[in-house]
Amino acid sequence: MKVVREGIKVKIRYEAKLEDGTVCLTTEKEGPMELVVGEGKFLIAIEQVLPGMKEGETKTIVLDALDTFGPHLDDLLLEVPRELFRDDVTLEIGARVKIDTPSERSYVGTVININEKTLTLDLNHPLAGKTLVCAITIVSIE
């Protein structure tokens, strides 16, 4: 039976849940994900548990925020004038909106507060600061 080792291409299925059981990431719709173990193109903490696994084997691991999308940073909360947004942009709590800067950089944030003149955007990744419980299954080993 084949065993995963560094440098080997594998296909995996994974499902990540928040601590309350809410599924937040999954390969269910797209199908198995292909990666080369050790390349660092996926979450390093997950790549590190793959060596030694066999086809069909599933491992469940708990990932701290520092191993995934980082801590939630208050410095990434931004108050912006409502007038910066076109009329066709939905401005409601929870909406994900894009803002362009004069330096031609774009940012995507989640609307977390709205008042008459401004809204507050959270530019953190939606899963920043969250602990994830991940189940990883080896589908195939090449």
C-alpha atoms as a PDB file:
ATOM      1  CA  MET A   1       0.000   0.000   0.000  1.00  0.00           C
ATOM      2  CA  LYS A   2       1.260   3.471  -0.902  1.00  0.00           C
ATOM      3  CA  VAL A   3       2.199   5.846   1.899  1.00  0.00           C
ATOM      4  CA  VAL A   4       2.345   9.640   1.661  1.00  0.00           C
ATOM      5  CA  ARG A   5       5.793  11.162   1.856  1.00  0.00           C
ATOM      6  CA  GLU A   6       7.259  14.551   1.052  1.00  0.00           C
ATOM      7  CA  GLY A   7       7.481  15.392  -2.650  1.00  0.00           C
ATOM      8  CA  ILE A   8       4.612  13.033  -3.575  1.00  0.00           C
ATOM      9  CA  LYS A   9       1.463  14.255  -5.335  1.00  0.00           C
ATOM     10  CA  VAL A  10      -1.724  13.418  -3.450  1.00  0.00           C
ATOM     11  CA  LYS A  11      -5.420  14.114  -3.738  1.00  0.00           C
ATOM     12  CA  ILE A  12      -7.178  14.969  -0.508  1.00  0.00           C
ATOM     13  CA  ARG A  13     -10.646  15.769   0.681  1.00  0.00           C
ATOM     14  CA  TYR A  14     -10.998  18.038   3.657  1.00  0.00           C
ATOM     15  CA  GLU A  15     -13.661  19.625   5.765  1.00  0.00           C
ATOM     16  CA  ALA A  16     -12.921  22.397   8.232  1.00  0.00           C
ATOM     17  CA  LYS A  17     -15.386  23.354  10.927  1.00  0.00           C
ATOM     18  CA  LEU A  18     -15.479  26.118  13.472  1.00  0.00           C
ATOM     19  CA  GLU A  19     -15.517  25.018  17.101  1.00  0.00           C
ATOM     20  CA  ASP A  20     -19.330  25.263  17.098  1.00  0.00           C
ATOM     21  CA  GLY A  21     -19.505  22.697  14.269  1.00  0.00           C
ATOM     22  CA  THR A  22     -20.254  25.130  11.436  1.00  0.00           C
ATOM     23  CA  VAL A  23     -18.597  23.945   8.207  1.00  0.00           C
ATOM     24  CA  CYS A  24     -16.481  26.786   6.821  1.00  0.00           C
ATOM     25  CA  LEU A  25     -14.227  25.104   4.236  1.00  0.00           C
ATOM     26  CA  THR A  26     -14.787  21.911   2.270  1.00  0.00           C
ATOM     27  CA  THR A  27     -13.836  20.166  -0.947  1.00  0.00           C
ATOM     28  CA  GLU A  28     -17.314  18.632  -1.193  1.00  0.00           C
ATOM     29  CA  LYS A  29     -18.441  20.659  -4.239  1.00  0.00           C
ATOM     30  CA  GLU A  30     -15.140  20.961  -6.125  1.00  0.00           C
ATOM     31  CA  GLY A  31     -13.968  17.429  -5.487  1.00  0.00           C
ATOM     32  CA  PRO A  32     -10.590  16.329  -4.138  1.00  0.00           C
ATOM     33  CA  MET A  33      -7.757  18.836  -4.025  1.00  0.00           C
ATOM     34  CA  GLU A  34      -4.419  17.938  -5.575  1.00  0.00           C
ATOM     35  CA  LEU A  35      -1.144  18.995  -3.971  1.00  0.00           C
ATOM     36  CA  VAL A  36       2.505  18.034  -3.746  1.00  0.00           C
ATOM     37  CA  VAL A  37       3.322  17.335  -0.111  1.00  0.00           C
ATOM     38  CA  GLY A  38       5.948  19.717   1.227  1.00  0.00           C
ATOM     39  CA  GLU A  39       5.637  22.412  -1.454  1.00  0.00           C
ATOM     40  CA  GLY A  40       3.934  24.739   1.028  1.00  0.00           C
ATOM     41  CA  LYS A  41       1.113  25.710  -1.325  1.00  0.00           C
ATOM     42  CA  PHE A  42      -1.563  24.656   1.165  1.00  0.00           C
ATOM     43  CA  LEU A  43      -1.883  25.201   4.901  1.00  0.00           C
ATOM     44  CA  ILE A  44       1.503  24.116   6.284  1.00  0.00           C
ATOM     45  CA  ALA A  45      -0.061  22.585   9.416  1.00  0.00           C
ATOM     46  CA  ILE A  46      -2.156  20.270   7.224  1.00  0.00           C
ATOM     47  CA  GLU A  47       0.737  19.399   4.895  1.00  0.00           C
ATOM     48  CA  GLN A  48       2.785  18.412   7.956  1.00  0.00           C
ATOM     49  CA  VAL A  49       0.304  15.701   9.042  1.00  0.00           C
ATOM     50  CA  LEU A  50       0.071  14.059   5.605  1.00  0.00           C
ATOM     51  CA  PRO A  51       3.378  12.102   5.558  1.00  0.00           C
ATOM     52  CA  GLY A  52       2.795   8.539   6.735  1.00  0.00           C
ATOM     53  CA  MET A  53      -0.909   8.531   5.842  1.00  0.00           C
ATOM     54  CA  LYS A  54      -2.322   5.854   3.496  1.00  0.00           C
ATOM     55  CA  GLU A  55      -5.021   5.989   0.823  1.00  0.00           C
ATOM     56  CA  GLY A  56      -8.451   6.152   2.432  1.00  0.00           C
ATOM     57  CA  GLU A  57      -7.048   7.204   5.814  1.00  0.00           C
ATOM     58  CA  THR A  58      -8.626  10.175   7.604  1.00  0.00           C
ATOM     59  CA  LYS A  59      -7.059  12.331  10.301  1.00  0.00           C
ATOM     60  CA  THR A  60      -8.775  15.034  12.310  1.00  0.00           C
ATOM     61  CA  ILE A  61      -6.643  17.875  13.615  1.00  0.00           C
ATOM     62  CA  VAL A  62      -7.308  21.115  15.475  1.00  0.00           C
ATOM     63  CA  LEU A  63      -5.695  24.184  13.939  1.00  0.00           C
ATOM     64  CA  ASP A  64      -5.038  27.328  15.922  1.00  0.00           C
ATOM     65  CA  ALA A  65      -5.618  30.685  14.188  1.00  0.00           C
ATOM     66  CA  LEU A  66      -1.851  31.148  13.860  1.00  0.00           C
ATOM     67  CA  ASP A  67      -1.703  27.959  11.747  1.00  0.00           C
ATOM     68  CA  THR A  68      -4.447  29.114   9.376  1.00  0.00           C
ATOM     69  CA  PHE A  69      -5.542  32.692   8.674  1.00  0.00           C
ATOM     70  CA  GLY A  70      -3.768  34.458  11.523  1.00  0.00           C
ATOM     71  CA  PRO A  71      -5.097  36.449  14.452  1.00  0.00           C
ATOM     72  CA  HIS A  72      -7.909  38.961  14.113  1.00  0.00           C
ATOM     73  CA  LEU A  73      -6.151  42.358  13.990  1.00  0.00           C
ATOM     74  CA  ASP A  74      -7.959  45.495  15.159  1.00  0.00           C
ATOM     75  CA  ASP A  75      -5.620  47.510  12.916  1.00  0.00           C
ATOM     76  CA  LEU A  76      -7.529  46.050   9.960  1.00  0.00           C
ATOM     77  CA  LEU A  77     -10.818  47.676  10.972  1.00  0.00           C
ATOM     78  CA  LEU A  78     -11.348  50.681   8.725  1.00  0.00           C
ATOM     79  CA  GLU A  79     -13.974  53.418   8.854  1.00  0.00           C
ATOM     80  CA  VAL A  80     -14.755  54.730   5.378  1.00  0.00           C
ATOM     81  CA  PRO A  81     -17.197  57.308   3.964  1.00  0.00           C
ATOM     82  CA  ARG A  82     -20.330  55.773   2.423  1.00  0.00           C
ATOM     83  CA  GLU A  83     -19.896  58.059  -0.580  1.00  0.00           C
ATOM     84  CA  LEU A  84     -16.915  55.943  -1.726  1.00  0.00           C
ATOM     85  CA  PHE A  85     -19.336  53.241  -2.870  1.00  0.00           C
ATOM     86  CA  ARG A  86     -21.419  53.245  -6.024  1.00  0.00           C
ATOM     87  CA  ASP A  87     -25.185  53.146  -5.620  1.00  0.00           C
ATOM     88  CA  ASP A  88     -25.353  49.577  -6.966  1.00  0.00           C
ATOM     89  CA  VAL A  89     -23.148  48.219  -4.138  1.00  0.00           C
ATOM     90  CA  THR A  90     -25.122  46.473  -1.385  1.00  0.00           C
ATOM     91  CA  LEU A  91     -24.174  48.056   1.920  1.00  0.00           C
ATOM     92  CA  GLU A  92     -25.486  45.906   4.744  1.00  0.00           C
ATOM     93  CA  ILE A  93     -23.958  44.256   7.794  1.00  0.00           C
ATOM     94  CA  GLY A  94     -22.098  41.119   6.705  1.00  0.00           C
ATOM     95  CA  ALA A  95     -21.728  42.166   3.054  1.00  0.00           C
ATOM     96  CA  ARG A  96     -18.293  41.646   1.482  1.00  0.00           C
ATOM     97  CA  VAL A  97     -17.252  44.760  -0.451  1.00  0.00           C
ATOM     98  CA  LYS A  98     -14.197  45.767  -2.452  1.00  0.00           C
ATOM     99  CA  ILE A  99     -12.473  49.102  -2.062  1.00  0.00           C
ATOM    100  CA  ASP A 100      -9.853  50.511  -4.412  1.00  0.00           C
ATOM    101  CA  THR A 101      -7.148  52.836  -3.139  1.00  0.00           C
ATOM    102  CA  PRO A 102      -5.468  55.759  -4.930  1.00  0.00           C
ATOM    103  CA  SER A 103      -2.334  53.579  -5.166  1.00  0.00           C
ATOM    104  CA  GLU A 104      -4.389  51.153  -7.320  1.00  0.00           C
ATOM    105  CA  ARG A 105      -4.500  48.449  -4.631  1.00  0.00           C
ATOM    106  CA  SER A 106      -7.770  46.702  -3.902  1.00  0.00           C
ATOM    107  CA  TYR A 107      -9.011  45.325  -0.595  1.00  0.00           C
ATOM    108  CA  VAL A 108     -12.023  43.227   0.282  1.00  0.00           C
ATOM    109  CA  GLY A 109     -13.673  43.712   3.624  1.00  0.00           C
ATOM    110  CA  THR A 110     -16.756  42.714   5.552  1.00  0.00           C
ATOM    111  CA  VAL A 111     -19.185  45.467   6.557  1.00  0.00           C
ATOM    112  CA  ILE A 112     -19.493  45.306  10.357  1.00  0.00           C
ATOM    113  CA  ASN A 113     -21.120  48.667  11.151  1.00  0.00           C
ATOM    114  CA  ILE A 114     -23.097  51.300   9.228  1.00  0.00           C
ATOM    115  CA  ASN A 115     -24.221  54.783  10.120  1.00  0.00           C
ATOM    116  CA  GLU A 116     -25.451  57.774   8.080  1.00  0.00           C
ATOM    117  CA  LYS A 117     -22.056  58.939   6.829  1.00  0.00           C
ATOM    118  CA  THR A 118     -19.631  56.036   7.275  1.00  0.00           C
ATOM    119  CA  LEU A 119     -19.337  52.314   7.456  1.00  0.00           C
ATOM    120  CA  THR A 120     -16.793  50.142   9.204  1.00  0.00           C
ATOM    121  CA  LEU A 121     -15.032  47.442   7.217  1.00  0.00           C
ATOM    122  CA  ASP A 122     -13.175  44.495   8.680  1.00  0.00           C
ATOM    123  CA  LEU A 123     -10.295  43.750   6.295  1.00  0.00           C
ATOM    124  CA  ASN A 124      -9.272  40.605   8.201  1.00  0.00           C
ATOM    125  CA  HIS A 125      -9.850  37.250   6.492  1.00  0.00           C
ATOM    126  CA  PRO A 126     -13.321  36.054   7.585  1.00  0.00           C
ATOM    127  CA  LEU A 127     -11.686  33.125   9.421  1.00  0.00           C
ATOM    128  CA  ALA A 128      -8.934  35.170  11.108  1.00  0.00           C
ATOM    129  CA  GLY A 129      -8.772  34.484  14.826  1.00  0.00           C
ATOM    130  CA  LYS A 130     -10.770  31.265  14.523  1.00  0.00           C
ATOM    131  CA  THR A 131      -9.776  27.766  15.609  1.00  0.00           C
ATOM    132  CA  LEU A 132     -10.582  25.167  12.951  1.00  0.00           C
ATOM    133  CA  VAL A 133     -11.243  21.450  13.337  1.00  0.00           C
ATOM    134  CA  CYS A 134     -10.157  19.788  10.089  1.00  0.00           C
ATOM    135  CA  ALA A 135     -10.804  16.284   8.821  1.00  0.00           C
ATOM    136  CA  ILE A 136      -8.390  15.334   6.038  1.00  0.00           C
ATOM    137  CA  THR A 137      -8.793  12.183   3.922  1.00  0.00           C
ATOM    138  CA  ILE A 138      -6.223  10.842   1.473  1.00  0.00           C
ATOM    139  CA  VAL A 139      -8.115  10.040  -1.737  1.00  0.00           C
ATOM    140  CA  SER A 140      -5.131   8.959  -3.847  1.00  0.00           C
ATOM    141  CA  ILE A 141      -1.342   8.894  -3.844  1.00  0.00           C
ATOM    142  CA  GLU A 142       0.575   9.155  -7.128  1.00  0.00           C
END
